[in-house]
Amino acid sequence: MKTRECFELLAPHASDAVVVCALGMAANEWWAVTKSDETFYMHGAMGFASSFALGVALTMPKTPVWVLNGDGSMCMNLGSLLTEASQQPDNLKHLLVANRCYQTVGGLPMAGQHDTDYAAIARGAGAREAIRVRSLDEMRGALPRILAPGYLLTVLEVECEAIPIIPPPQPFEGAEMKYRFGRNMERRFGVSVFGSQGY
């Protein structure tokens, strides 16, 4: 199955969630499906999307938080999985896009490309719930479990696709991305993200 097909199934259910995307194909494909400028796209910080999402989830325990992570990003900061598994907030969904390659830089294979079981790694770190989804039919069948209350790490086993190397498709990044996300959080939840100095 393809990343975009998975996201097309997930996107209609994301309206109540705060969504954080890892850099690379997770962010690019989520943007292609949703054009959401309320999502936080973690460009320039490989490996930290799950840590950022965990912080949001712990700070706002009544708000669903999704992190759309990449396997390359997770492996860049695998220790973050220990922290996440030690907390496992009920409002956090970790959706791991496992294409087993570094797709945005030409599809270079990851170490352990064919042998790594990310769900087993998560369970070994202490996660109570970690599942693998290998087809769109499995994805449709797993949606009720993915969307139900409670922490869950879902490994989306997707294809490494032959695509050209492209820059992030969002027409904004850096400071503008931070302020779009933060101002949306302020409007939506009535919280204070930025102080009087704008940071």
N, C-alpha and C. Protein backbone atom coordinates (compact mmCIF):
# COMPACT_ATOMS: atom_id res chain seq x y z
N MET A 1 0.85 -1.18 0.00
CA MET A 1 0.00 0.00 0.00
C MET A 1 0.89 1.24 0.00
N LYS A 2 0.30 2.35 -0.37
CA LYS A 2 1.03 3.60 -0.48
C LYS A 2 0.70 4.53 0.70
N THR A 3 1.66 5.37 1.04
CA THR A 3 1.46 6.30 2.16
C THR A 3 0.23 7.17 1.95
N ARG A 4 0.09 7.70 0.75
CA ARG A 4 -1.03 8.60 0.50
C ARG A 4 -2.37 7.89 0.67
N GLU A 5 -2.45 6.64 0.25
CA GLU A 5 -3.70 5.88 0.42
C GLU A 5 -4.04 5.72 1.90
N CYS A 6 -3.02 5.45 2.72
CA CYS A 6 -3.27 5.36 4.17
C CYS A 6 -3.79 6.68 4.72
N PHE A 7 -3.15 7.77 4.31
CA PHE A 7 -3.54 9.08 4.83
C PHE A 7 -4.92 9.49 4.34
N GLU A 8 -5.30 9.05 3.14
CA GLU A 8 -6.65 9.34 2.66
C GLU A 8 -7.71 8.66 3.53
N LEU A 9 -7.37 7.49 4.08
CA LEU A 9 -8.29 6.82 4.99
C LEU A 9 -8.32 7.50 6.37
N LEU A 10 -7.16 8.00 6.80
CA LEU A 10 -7.06 8.59 8.13
C LEU A 10 -7.59 10.02 8.20
N ALA A 11 -7.35 10.80 7.15
CA ALA A 11 -7.62 12.24 7.20
C ALA A 11 -9.04 12.60 7.61
N PRO A 12 -10.08 11.92 7.14
CA PRO A 12 -11.43 12.31 7.56
C PRO A 12 -11.69 12.18 9.06
N HIS A 13 -10.82 11.46 9.76
CA HIS A 13 -11.01 11.24 11.19
C HIS A 13 -10.12 12.14 12.04
N ALA A 14 -9.39 13.06 11.41
CA ALA A 14 -8.39 13.85 12.12
C ALA A 14 -8.88 15.21 12.56
N SER A 15 -10.14 15.53 12.33
CA SER A 15 -10.60 16.90 12.56
C SER A 15 -10.46 17.34 14.01
N ASP A 16 -10.56 16.42 14.96
CA ASP A 16 -10.45 16.78 16.37
C ASP A 16 -9.02 16.68 16.90
N ALA A 17 -8.12 16.16 16.09
CA ALA A 17 -6.77 15.87 16.56
C ALA A 17 -5.81 17.01 16.27
N VAL A 18 -4.82 17.15 17.14
CA VAL A 18 -3.63 17.95 16.84
C VAL A 18 -2.66 17.00 16.15
N VAL A 19 -2.23 17.36 14.94
CA VAL A 19 -1.39 16.47 14.13
C VAL A 19 0.01 17.04 14.02
N VAL A 20 1.00 16.18 14.27
CA VAL A 20 2.41 16.53 14.14
C VAL A 20 3.02 15.57 13.13
N CYS A 21 3.72 16.11 12.13
CA CYS A 21 4.32 15.27 11.08
C CYS A 21 5.83 15.34 11.13
N ALA A 22 6.46 14.19 11.04
CA ALA A 22 7.91 14.14 10.86
C ALA A 22 8.27 14.70 9.49
N LEU A 23 9.50 15.14 9.37
CA LEU A 23 9.94 15.65 8.07
C LEU A 23 9.96 14.51 7.04
N GLY A 24 9.95 14.87 5.77
CA GLY A 24 10.01 13.87 4.72
C GLY A 24 8.65 13.48 4.21
N MET A 25 8.51 12.21 3.83
CA MET A 25 7.30 11.78 3.14
C MET A 25 6.06 11.83 4.01
N ALA A 26 6.19 11.63 5.31
CA ALA A 26 5.01 11.75 6.17
C ALA A 26 4.41 13.14 6.04
N ALA A 27 5.26 14.16 6.15
CA ALA A 27 4.77 15.54 6.02
C ALA A 27 4.30 15.84 4.61
N ASN A 28 5.06 15.42 3.62
CA ASN A 28 4.71 15.72 2.23
C ASN A 28 3.37 15.10 1.83
N GLU A 29 3.18 13.84 2.22
CA GLU A 29 1.95 13.15 1.83
C GLU A 29 0.74 13.64 2.63
N TRP A 30 0.94 14.00 3.91
CA TRP A 30 -0.17 14.55 4.69
C TRP A 30 -0.61 15.88 4.09
N TRP A 31 0.35 16.70 3.70
CA TRP A 31 0.02 17.97 3.05
C TRP A 31 -0.73 17.72 1.74
N ALA A 32 -0.28 16.75 0.95
CA ALA A 32 -0.93 16.46 -0.33
C ALA A 32 -2.38 16.07 -0.13
N VAL A 33 -2.68 15.36 0.95
CA VAL A 33 -4.04 14.90 1.21
C VAL A 33 -4.90 15.98 1.86
N THR A 34 -4.31 16.75 2.80
CA THR A 34 -5.13 17.65 3.62
C THR A 34 -4.94 19.14 3.33
N LYS A 35 -3.78 19.54 2.82
CA LYS A 35 -3.41 20.96 2.69
C LYS A 35 -3.59 21.70 4.03
N SER A 36 -3.38 21.00 5.12
CA SER A 36 -3.62 21.55 6.44
C SER A 36 -2.46 22.42 6.91
N ASP A 37 -2.76 23.70 7.15
CA ASP A 37 -1.73 24.56 7.74
C ASP A 37 -1.91 24.64 9.25
N GLU A 38 -2.80 23.79 9.80
CA GLU A 38 -2.94 23.68 11.25
C GLU A 38 -2.08 22.55 11.80
N THR A 39 -1.51 21.74 10.92
CA THR A 39 -0.60 20.67 11.29
C THR A 39 0.78 21.26 11.57
N PHE A 40 1.51 20.64 12.50
CA PHE A 40 2.90 21.05 12.70
C PHE A 40 3.80 20.12 11.90
N TYR A 41 4.50 20.68 10.90
CA TYR A 41 5.40 19.92 10.04
C TYR A 41 6.82 20.10 10.58
N MET A 42 7.43 19.01 11.04
CA MET A 42 8.69 19.07 11.76
C MET A 42 9.88 19.07 10.80
N HIS A 43 9.93 20.05 9.89
CA HIS A 43 11.06 20.14 8.98
C HIS A 43 12.29 20.62 9.73
N GLY A 44 13.43 20.04 9.40
CA GLY A 44 14.68 20.50 9.98
C GLY A 44 14.98 19.92 11.35
N ALA A 45 14.22 18.97 11.82
CA ALA A 45 14.46 18.38 13.13
C ALA A 45 14.18 16.89 13.07
N MET A 46 14.98 16.18 12.31
CA MET A 46 14.75 14.75 12.11
C MET A 46 14.84 14.00 13.43
N GLY A 47 13.83 13.21 13.71
CA GLY A 47 13.82 12.38 14.89
C GLY A 47 13.04 12.94 16.06
N PHE A 48 12.54 14.18 15.97
CA PHE A 48 11.95 14.81 17.13
C PHE A 48 10.44 15.00 17.06
N ALA A 49 9.80 14.54 16.00
CA ALA A 49 8.35 14.71 15.91
C ALA A 49 7.63 13.98 17.03
N SER A 50 8.07 12.77 17.35
CA SER A 50 7.38 12.01 18.40
C SER A 50 7.58 12.65 19.77
N SER A 51 8.74 13.23 20.03
CA SER A 51 8.97 13.91 21.30
C SER A 51 8.10 15.15 21.42
N PHE A 52 8.00 15.90 20.33
CA PHE A 52 7.16 17.10 20.31
C PHE A 52 5.70 16.71 20.55
N ALA A 53 5.23 15.68 19.83
CA ALA A 53 3.84 15.24 19.97
C ALA A 53 3.56 14.73 21.39
N LEU A 54 4.52 14.02 21.97
CA LEU A 54 4.35 13.53 23.33
C LEU A 54 4.18 14.69 24.30
N GLY A 55 4.98 15.74 24.12
CA GLY A 55 4.85 16.91 24.97
C GLY A 55 3.49 17.56 24.86
N VAL A 56 2.98 17.66 23.62
CA VAL A 56 1.64 18.24 23.41
C VAL A 56 0.58 17.35 24.08
N ALA A 57 0.72 16.04 23.89
CA ALA A 57 -0.28 15.12 24.45
C ALA A 57 -0.30 15.18 25.98
N LEU A 58 0.85 15.27 26.61
CA LEU A 58 0.91 15.33 28.06
C LEU A 58 0.38 16.66 28.58
N THR A 59 0.60 17.73 27.82
CA THR A 59 0.15 19.05 28.23
C THR A 59 -1.35 19.23 28.06
N MET A 60 -1.92 18.54 27.05
CA MET A 60 -3.35 18.69 26.73
C MET A 60 -4.00 17.31 26.74
N PRO A 61 -4.18 16.70 27.91
CA PRO A 61 -4.58 15.30 27.98
C PRO A 61 -5.98 14.99 27.46
N LYS A 62 -6.81 16.01 27.27
CA LYS A 62 -8.16 15.76 26.74
C LYS A 62 -8.25 15.94 25.24
N THR A 63 -7.12 16.27 24.60
CA THR A 63 -7.09 16.51 23.16
C THR A 63 -6.40 15.36 22.45
N PRO A 64 -7.03 14.77 21.42
CA PRO A 64 -6.33 13.73 20.66
C PRO A 64 -5.11 14.31 19.95
N VAL A 65 -4.00 13.61 20.04
CA VAL A 65 -2.76 14.03 19.38
C VAL A 65 -2.26 12.87 18.53
N TRP A 66 -2.01 13.17 17.26
CA TRP A 66 -1.44 12.18 16.34
C TRP A 66 -0.05 12.61 15.95
N VAL A 67 0.88 11.67 15.94
CA VAL A 67 2.17 11.93 15.33
C VAL A 67 2.30 11.00 14.12
N LEU A 68 2.53 11.60 12.96
CA LEU A 68 2.76 10.86 11.72
C LEU A 68 4.27 10.83 11.53
N ASN A 69 4.87 9.74 11.94
CA ASN A 69 6.31 9.63 11.99
C ASN A 69 6.82 8.79 10.82
N GLY A 70 8.09 8.90 10.52
CA GLY A 70 8.74 8.05 9.53
C GLY A 70 9.68 7.09 10.22
N ASP A 71 9.90 5.93 9.62
CA ASP A 71 10.80 4.98 10.26
C ASP A 71 12.23 5.51 10.31
N GLY A 72 12.63 6.26 9.29
CA GLY A 72 13.95 6.89 9.33
C GLY A 72 14.07 7.88 10.46
N SER A 73 13.03 8.67 10.66
CA SER A 73 13.02 9.65 11.75
C SER A 73 13.02 8.96 13.11
N MET A 74 12.23 7.90 13.24
CA MET A 74 12.20 7.22 14.53
C MET A 74 13.55 6.60 14.85
N CYS A 75 14.18 6.00 13.84
CA CYS A 75 15.48 5.38 14.09
C CYS A 75 16.56 6.41 14.40
N MET A 76 16.37 7.64 13.93
CA MET A 76 17.31 8.72 14.23
C MET A 76 17.32 9.05 15.72
N ASN A 77 16.19 8.81 16.40
CA ASN A 77 16.07 9.14 17.82
C ASN A 77 15.28 8.04 18.52
N LEU A 78 15.79 6.82 18.41
CA LEU A 78 15.07 5.66 18.91
C LEU A 78 14.85 5.72 20.42
N GLY A 79 15.74 6.42 21.11
CA GLY A 79 15.57 6.55 22.56
C GLY A 79 14.28 7.25 22.96
N SER A 80 13.74 8.07 22.05
CA SER A 80 12.48 8.75 22.37
C SER A 80 11.35 7.76 22.58
N LEU A 81 11.47 6.57 21.99
CA LEU A 81 10.43 5.55 22.16
C LEU A 81 10.37 5.06 23.60
N LEU A 82 11.51 5.05 24.28
CA LEU A 82 11.53 4.66 25.70
C LEU A 82 10.74 5.66 26.54
N THR A 83 10.94 6.95 26.24
CA THR A 83 10.21 7.99 26.97
C THR A 83 8.72 7.89 26.68
N GLU A 84 8.40 7.73 25.41
CA GLU A 84 6.98 7.62 25.03
C GLU A 84 6.33 6.41 25.69
N ALA A 85 7.02 5.27 25.68
CA ALA A 85 6.46 4.05 26.26
C ALA A 85 6.33 4.16 27.77
N SER A 86 7.16 4.96 28.39
CA SER A 86 7.05 5.12 29.85
C SER A 86 5.85 5.98 30.23
N GLN A 87 5.36 6.79 29.28
CA GLN A 87 4.23 7.69 29.54
C GLN A 87 2.93 7.14 28.96
N GLN A 88 2.94 6.77 27.70
CA GLN A 88 1.78 6.22 27.00
C GLN A 88 0.48 6.96 27.29
N PRO A 89 0.44 8.26 27.02
CA PRO A 89 -0.81 8.99 27.30
C PRO A 89 -1.96 8.45 26.45
N ASP A 90 -3.13 8.40 27.06
CA ASP A 90 -4.30 7.83 26.38
C ASP A 90 -4.71 8.60 25.14
N ASN A 91 -4.27 9.85 25.01
CA ASN A 91 -4.70 10.67 23.87
C ASN A 91 -3.68 10.68 22.73
N LEU A 92 -2.62 9.86 22.81
CA LEU A 92 -1.58 9.87 21.78
C LEU A 92 -1.69 8.67 20.86
N LYS A 93 -1.70 8.96 19.56
CA LYS A 93 -1.63 7.93 18.52
C LYS A 93 -0.34 8.14 17.74
N HIS A 94 0.51 7.13 17.73
CA HIS A 94 1.78 7.18 17.00
C HIS A 94 1.62 6.33 15.75
N LEU A 95 1.58 7.00 14.60
CA LEU A 95 1.41 6.31 13.31
C LEU A 95 2.75 6.35 12.59
N LEU A 96 3.38 5.19 12.50
CA LEU A 96 4.74 5.10 11.96
C LEU A 96 4.70 4.65 10.51
N VAL A 97 5.09 5.55 9.61
CA VAL A 97 5.14 5.23 8.17
C VAL A 97 6.44 4.48 7.91
N ALA A 98 6.33 3.18 7.71
CA ALA A 98 7.51 2.33 7.54
C ALA A 98 7.65 1.94 6.07
N ASN A 99 8.38 2.78 5.33
CA ASN A 99 8.65 2.43 3.93
C ASN A 99 10.02 1.80 3.76
N ARG A 100 10.77 1.71 4.86
CA ARG A 100 12.04 0.97 4.92
C ARG A 100 13.11 1.55 4.01
N CYS A 101 12.95 2.85 3.72
CA CYS A 101 13.96 3.53 2.91
C CYS A 101 13.94 5.01 3.27
N TYR A 102 14.98 5.71 2.84
CA TYR A 102 15.01 7.17 2.98
C TYR A 102 14.51 7.75 1.66
N GLN A 103 13.19 7.83 1.55
CA GLN A 103 12.56 8.09 0.26
C GLN A 103 12.86 9.48 -0.28
N THR A 104 12.92 10.49 0.60
CA THR A 104 13.10 11.85 0.11
C THR A 104 14.51 12.11 -0.40
N VAL A 105 15.42 11.19 -0.15
CA VAL A 105 16.78 11.36 -0.70
C VAL A 105 17.08 10.25 -1.71
N GLY A 106 16.05 9.79 -2.39
CA GLY A 106 16.26 8.86 -3.50
C GLY A 106 15.97 7.42 -3.22
N GLY A 107 15.39 7.12 -2.05
CA GLY A 107 15.03 5.73 -1.77
C GLY A 107 16.16 4.87 -1.25
N LEU A 108 17.18 5.48 -0.65
CA LEU A 108 18.28 4.69 -0.08
C LEU A 108 17.75 3.74 0.98
N PRO A 109 18.19 2.48 0.96
CA PRO A 109 17.64 1.51 1.91
C PRO A 109 18.09 1.79 3.34
N MET A 110 17.21 1.51 4.29
CA MET A 110 17.56 1.62 5.69
C MET A 110 18.27 0.35 6.15
N ALA A 111 19.07 0.48 7.19
CA ALA A 111 19.68 -0.70 7.80
C ALA A 111 18.56 -1.60 8.33
N GLY A 112 18.73 -2.90 8.14
CA GLY A 112 17.70 -3.84 8.58
C GLY A 112 16.42 -3.72 7.78
N GLN A 113 16.56 -3.32 6.54
CA GLN A 113 15.41 -2.98 5.69
C GLN A 113 14.33 -4.06 5.70
N HIS A 114 14.72 -5.32 5.63
CA HIS A 114 13.74 -6.40 5.49
C HIS A 114 13.45 -7.13 6.80
N ASP A 115 14.23 -6.85 7.85
CA ASP A 115 14.14 -7.67 9.06
C ASP A 115 13.58 -6.94 10.27
N THR A 116 13.58 -5.61 10.25
CA THR A 116 13.22 -4.86 11.45
C THR A 116 11.71 -4.90 11.69
N ASP A 117 11.33 -5.21 12.92
CA ASP A 117 9.92 -5.24 13.33
C ASP A 117 9.72 -4.08 14.32
N TYR A 118 9.21 -2.97 13.82
CA TYR A 118 9.08 -1.77 14.65
C TYR A 118 8.04 -1.94 15.75
N ALA A 119 7.01 -2.71 15.50
CA ALA A 119 6.02 -2.96 16.55
C ALA A 119 6.65 -3.74 17.69
N ALA A 120 7.51 -4.70 17.35
CA ALA A 120 8.20 -5.48 18.39
C ALA A 120 9.16 -4.59 19.18
N ILE A 121 9.82 -3.65 18.49
CA ILE A 121 10.70 -2.71 19.18
C ILE A 121 9.90 -1.88 20.18
N ALA A 122 8.73 -1.41 19.74
CA ALA A 122 7.88 -0.60 20.63
C ALA A 122 7.44 -1.42 21.84
N ARG A 123 7.02 -2.66 21.61
CA ARG A 123 6.60 -3.50 22.73
C ARG A 123 7.78 -3.78 23.65
N GLY A 124 8.96 -3.97 23.06
CA GLY A 124 10.16 -4.19 23.87
C GLY A 124 10.53 -2.98 24.70
N ALA A 125 10.15 -1.80 24.23
CA ALA A 125 10.40 -0.57 24.99
C ALA A 125 9.37 -0.37 26.08
N GLY A 126 8.31 -1.17 26.05
CA GLY A 126 7.28 -1.08 27.09
C GLY A 126 5.91 -0.67 26.61
N ALA A 127 5.74 -0.44 25.31
CA ALA A 127 4.42 -0.05 24.80
C ALA A 127 3.42 -1.19 24.98
N ARG A 128 2.27 -0.87 25.55
CA ARG A 128 1.24 -1.90 25.76
C ARG A 128 0.58 -2.30 24.45
N GLU A 129 0.43 -1.34 23.54
CA GLU A 129 -0.30 -1.58 22.30
C GLU A 129 0.55 -1.13 21.10
N ALA A 130 0.89 -2.07 20.24
CA ALA A 130 1.63 -1.76 19.01
C ALA A 130 1.22 -2.79 17.96
N ILE A 131 0.75 -2.30 16.82
CA ILE A 131 0.26 -3.20 15.77
C ILE A 131 0.91 -2.86 14.44
N ARG A 132 0.84 -3.82 13.51
CA ARG A 132 1.33 -3.61 12.14
C ARG A 132 0.16 -3.73 11.18
N VAL A 133 0.15 -2.84 10.18
CA VAL A 133 -0.89 -2.84 9.15
C VAL A 133 -0.17 -2.96 7.81
N ARG A 134 -0.52 -3.98 7.02
CA ARG A 134 0.24 -4.28 5.80
C ARG A 134 -0.53 -4.05 4.51
N SER A 135 -1.82 -3.75 4.58
CA SER A 135 -2.61 -3.55 3.36
C SER A 135 -3.74 -2.58 3.68
N LEU A 136 -4.36 -2.06 2.61
CA LEU A 136 -5.49 -1.15 2.84
C LEU A 136 -6.66 -1.85 3.48
N ASP A 137 -6.88 -3.11 3.15
CA ASP A 137 -7.95 -3.86 3.80
C ASP A 137 -7.68 -3.99 5.30
N GLU A 138 -6.42 -4.29 5.66
CA GLU A 138 -6.06 -4.35 7.08
C GLU A 138 -6.23 -2.97 7.73
N MET A 139 -5.91 -1.93 6.96
CA MET A 139 -6.03 -0.57 7.49
C MET A 139 -7.49 -0.25 7.80
N ARG A 140 -8.37 -0.58 6.87
CA ARG A 140 -9.80 -0.34 7.11
C ARG A 140 -10.27 -1.12 8.33
N GLY A 141 -9.81 -2.36 8.45
CA GLY A 141 -10.21 -3.18 9.59
C GLY A 141 -9.66 -2.67 10.91
N ALA A 142 -8.48 -2.03 10.86
CA ALA A 142 -7.82 -1.55 12.07
C ALA A 142 -8.29 -0.17 12.49
N LEU A 143 -9.01 0.55 11.63
CA LEU A 143 -9.40 1.93 11.94
C LEU A 143 -10.14 2.05 13.28
N PRO A 144 -11.10 1.20 13.59
CA PRO A 144 -11.76 1.35 14.89
C PRO A 144 -10.79 1.27 16.06
N ARG A 145 -9.82 0.39 15.96
CA ARG A 145 -8.82 0.26 17.03
C ARG A 145 -7.90 1.48 17.06
N ILE A 146 -7.51 1.96 15.88
CA ILE A 146 -6.63 3.13 15.80
C ILE A 146 -7.31 4.35 16.38
N LEU A 147 -8.60 4.50 16.14
CA LEU A 147 -9.34 5.70 16.55
C LEU A 147 -9.90 5.60 17.96
N ALA A 148 -9.89 4.42 18.54
CA ALA A 148 -10.46 4.25 19.89
C ALA A 148 -9.58 4.94 20.92
N PRO A 149 -10.15 5.35 22.05
CA PRO A 149 -9.34 5.95 23.11
C PRO A 149 -8.23 5.00 23.57
N GLY A 150 -7.12 5.58 23.96
CA GLY A 150 -6.00 4.79 24.45
C GLY A 150 -4.77 4.93 23.56
N TYR A 151 -3.61 4.87 24.17
CA TYR A 151 -2.35 4.95 23.43
C TYR A 151 -2.22 3.77 22.46
N LEU A 152 -1.68 4.05 21.29
CA LEU A 152 -1.42 3.00 20.31
C LEU A 152 -0.32 3.43 19.35
N LEU A 153 0.62 2.54 19.10
CA LEU A 153 1.59 2.74 18.03
C LEU A 153 1.21 1.80 16.89
N THR A 154 0.95 2.39 15.72
CA THR A 154 0.56 1.62 14.54
C THR A 154 1.64 1.75 13.48
N VAL A 155 2.18 0.63 13.06
CA VAL A 155 3.19 0.61 12.00
C VAL A 155 2.47 0.43 10.67
N LEU A 156 2.57 1.43 9.82
CA LEU A 156 1.96 1.38 8.48
C LEU A 156 3.02 0.88 7.51
N GLU A 157 2.91 -0.37 7.11
CA GLU A 157 3.90 -0.96 6.19
C GLU A 157 3.57 -0.54 4.76
N VAL A 158 4.27 0.48 4.27
CA VAL A 158 3.97 1.05 2.96
C VAL A 158 5.13 0.83 2.00
N GLU A 159 4.86 1.09 0.73
CA GLU A 159 5.88 0.93 -0.31
C GLU A 159 6.90 2.06 -0.26
N CYS A 160 8.13 1.72 -0.61
CA CYS A 160 9.12 2.74 -0.92
C CYS A 160 8.90 3.08 -2.39
N GLU A 161 8.42 4.29 -2.65
CA GLU A 161 8.00 4.65 -3.99
C GLU A 161 9.12 5.34 -4.77
N ALA A 162 9.12 5.13 -6.06
CA ALA A 162 10.10 5.78 -6.94
C ALA A 162 9.59 7.18 -7.29
N ILE A 163 10.08 8.16 -6.56
CA ILE A 163 9.67 9.54 -6.80
C ILE A 163 10.91 10.41 -6.89
N PRO A 164 10.81 11.56 -7.54
CA PRO A 164 11.96 12.46 -7.59
C PRO A 164 12.22 13.08 -6.22
N ILE A 165 13.44 13.50 -5.99
CA ILE A 165 13.76 14.22 -4.76
C ILE A 165 13.12 15.60 -4.87
N ILE A 166 12.27 15.93 -3.90
CA ILE A 166 11.54 17.19 -3.96
C ILE A 166 11.70 17.96 -2.66
N PRO A 167 11.62 19.29 -2.71
CA PRO A 167 11.58 20.06 -1.46
C PRO A 167 10.21 19.91 -0.82
N PRO A 168 10.09 20.25 0.47
CA PRO A 168 8.77 20.18 1.11
C PRO A 168 7.75 20.99 0.32
N PRO A 169 6.56 20.44 0.07
CA PRO A 169 5.58 21.12 -0.78
C PRO A 169 4.81 22.23 -0.09
N GLN A 170 4.86 22.31 1.25
CA GLN A 170 4.13 23.38 1.92
C GLN A 170 4.74 24.73 1.52
N PRO A 171 3.90 25.74 1.29
CA PRO A 171 4.42 27.05 0.86
C PRO A 171 4.90 27.90 2.03
N PHE A 172 5.30 27.27 3.13
CA PHE A 172 5.80 27.99 4.29
C PHE A 172 6.67 27.03 5.09
N GLU A 173 7.57 27.57 5.87
CA GLU A 173 8.38 26.75 6.75
C GLU A 173 8.97 27.63 7.84
N GLY A 174 9.77 27.02 8.69
CA GLY A 174 10.48 27.78 9.70
C GLY A 174 9.57 28.58 10.61
N ALA A 175 9.89 29.87 10.73
CA ALA A 175 9.15 30.73 11.66
C ALA A 175 7.67 30.80 11.33
N GLU A 176 7.33 30.88 10.03
CA GLU A 176 5.91 30.97 9.68
C GLU A 176 5.16 29.71 10.10
N MET A 177 5.79 28.55 9.94
CA MET A 177 5.17 27.30 10.34
C MET A 177 4.91 27.30 11.84
N LYS A 178 5.89 27.75 12.60
CA LYS A 178 5.73 27.81 14.07
C LYS A 178 4.55 28.70 14.44
N TYR A 179 4.46 29.88 13.83
CA TYR A 179 3.41 30.81 14.20
C TYR A 179 2.04 30.35 13.71
N ARG A 180 1.95 29.74 12.54
CA ARG A 180 0.67 29.22 12.08
C ARG A 180 0.13 28.19 13.07
N PHE A 181 1.01 27.26 13.45
CA PHE A 181 0.59 26.21 14.37
C PHE A 181 0.24 26.79 15.74
N GLY A 182 1.11 27.64 16.27
CA GLY A 182 0.88 28.21 17.59
C GLY A 182 -0.35 29.07 17.66
N ARG A 183 -0.57 29.92 16.66
CA ARG A 183 -1.76 30.78 16.66
C ARG A 183 -3.03 29.94 16.55
N ASN A 184 -2.98 28.87 15.77
CA ASN A 184 -4.13 27.98 15.68
C ASN A 184 -4.43 27.34 17.03
N MET A 185 -3.39 26.93 17.75
CA MET A 185 -3.59 26.34 19.07
C MET A 185 -4.21 27.36 20.02
N GLU A 186 -3.77 28.61 19.94
CA GLU A 186 -4.33 29.66 20.79
C GLU A 186 -5.82 29.88 20.49
N ARG A 187 -6.16 29.97 19.19
CA ARG A 187 -7.56 30.19 18.81
C ARG A 187 -8.43 28.99 19.19
N ARG A 188 -7.94 27.82 18.91
CA ARG A 188 -8.75 26.62 19.05
C ARG A 188 -8.98 26.23 20.50
N PHE A 189 -7.95 26.38 21.33
CA PHE A 189 -8.04 25.87 22.69
C PHE A 189 -8.04 26.97 23.76
N GLY A 190 -7.89 28.23 23.34
CA GLY A 190 -7.89 29.31 24.30
C GLY A 190 -6.68 29.29 25.23
N VAL A 191 -5.58 28.76 24.73
CA VAL A 191 -4.36 28.70 25.51
C VAL A 191 -3.41 29.79 25.07
N SER A 192 -2.41 30.07 25.87
CA SER A 192 -1.38 31.03 25.52
C SER A 192 -0.12 30.28 25.09
N VAL A 193 0.24 30.43 23.83
CA VAL A 193 1.45 29.79 23.31
C VAL A 193 2.59 30.80 23.23
N PHE A 194 2.27 32.00 22.75
CA PHE A 194 3.29 33.03 22.58
C PHE A 194 3.06 34.15 23.60
N GLY A 195 4.15 34.68 24.13
CA GLY A 195 4.06 35.79 25.05
C GLY A 195 3.95 37.12 24.31
N SER A 196 4.04 38.19 25.07
CA SER A 196 3.88 39.53 24.49
C SER A 196 4.98 39.88 23.50
N GLN A 197 6.10 39.20 23.60
CA GLN A 197 7.21 39.44 22.68
C GLN A 197 7.06 38.61 21.40
N GLY A 198 6.04 37.77 21.34
CA GLY A 198 5.81 36.97 20.13
C GLY A 198 6.55 35.66 20.12
N TYR A 199 7.09 35.25 21.26
CA TYR A 199 7.76 33.94 21.32
C TYR A 199 7.57 33.32 22.69
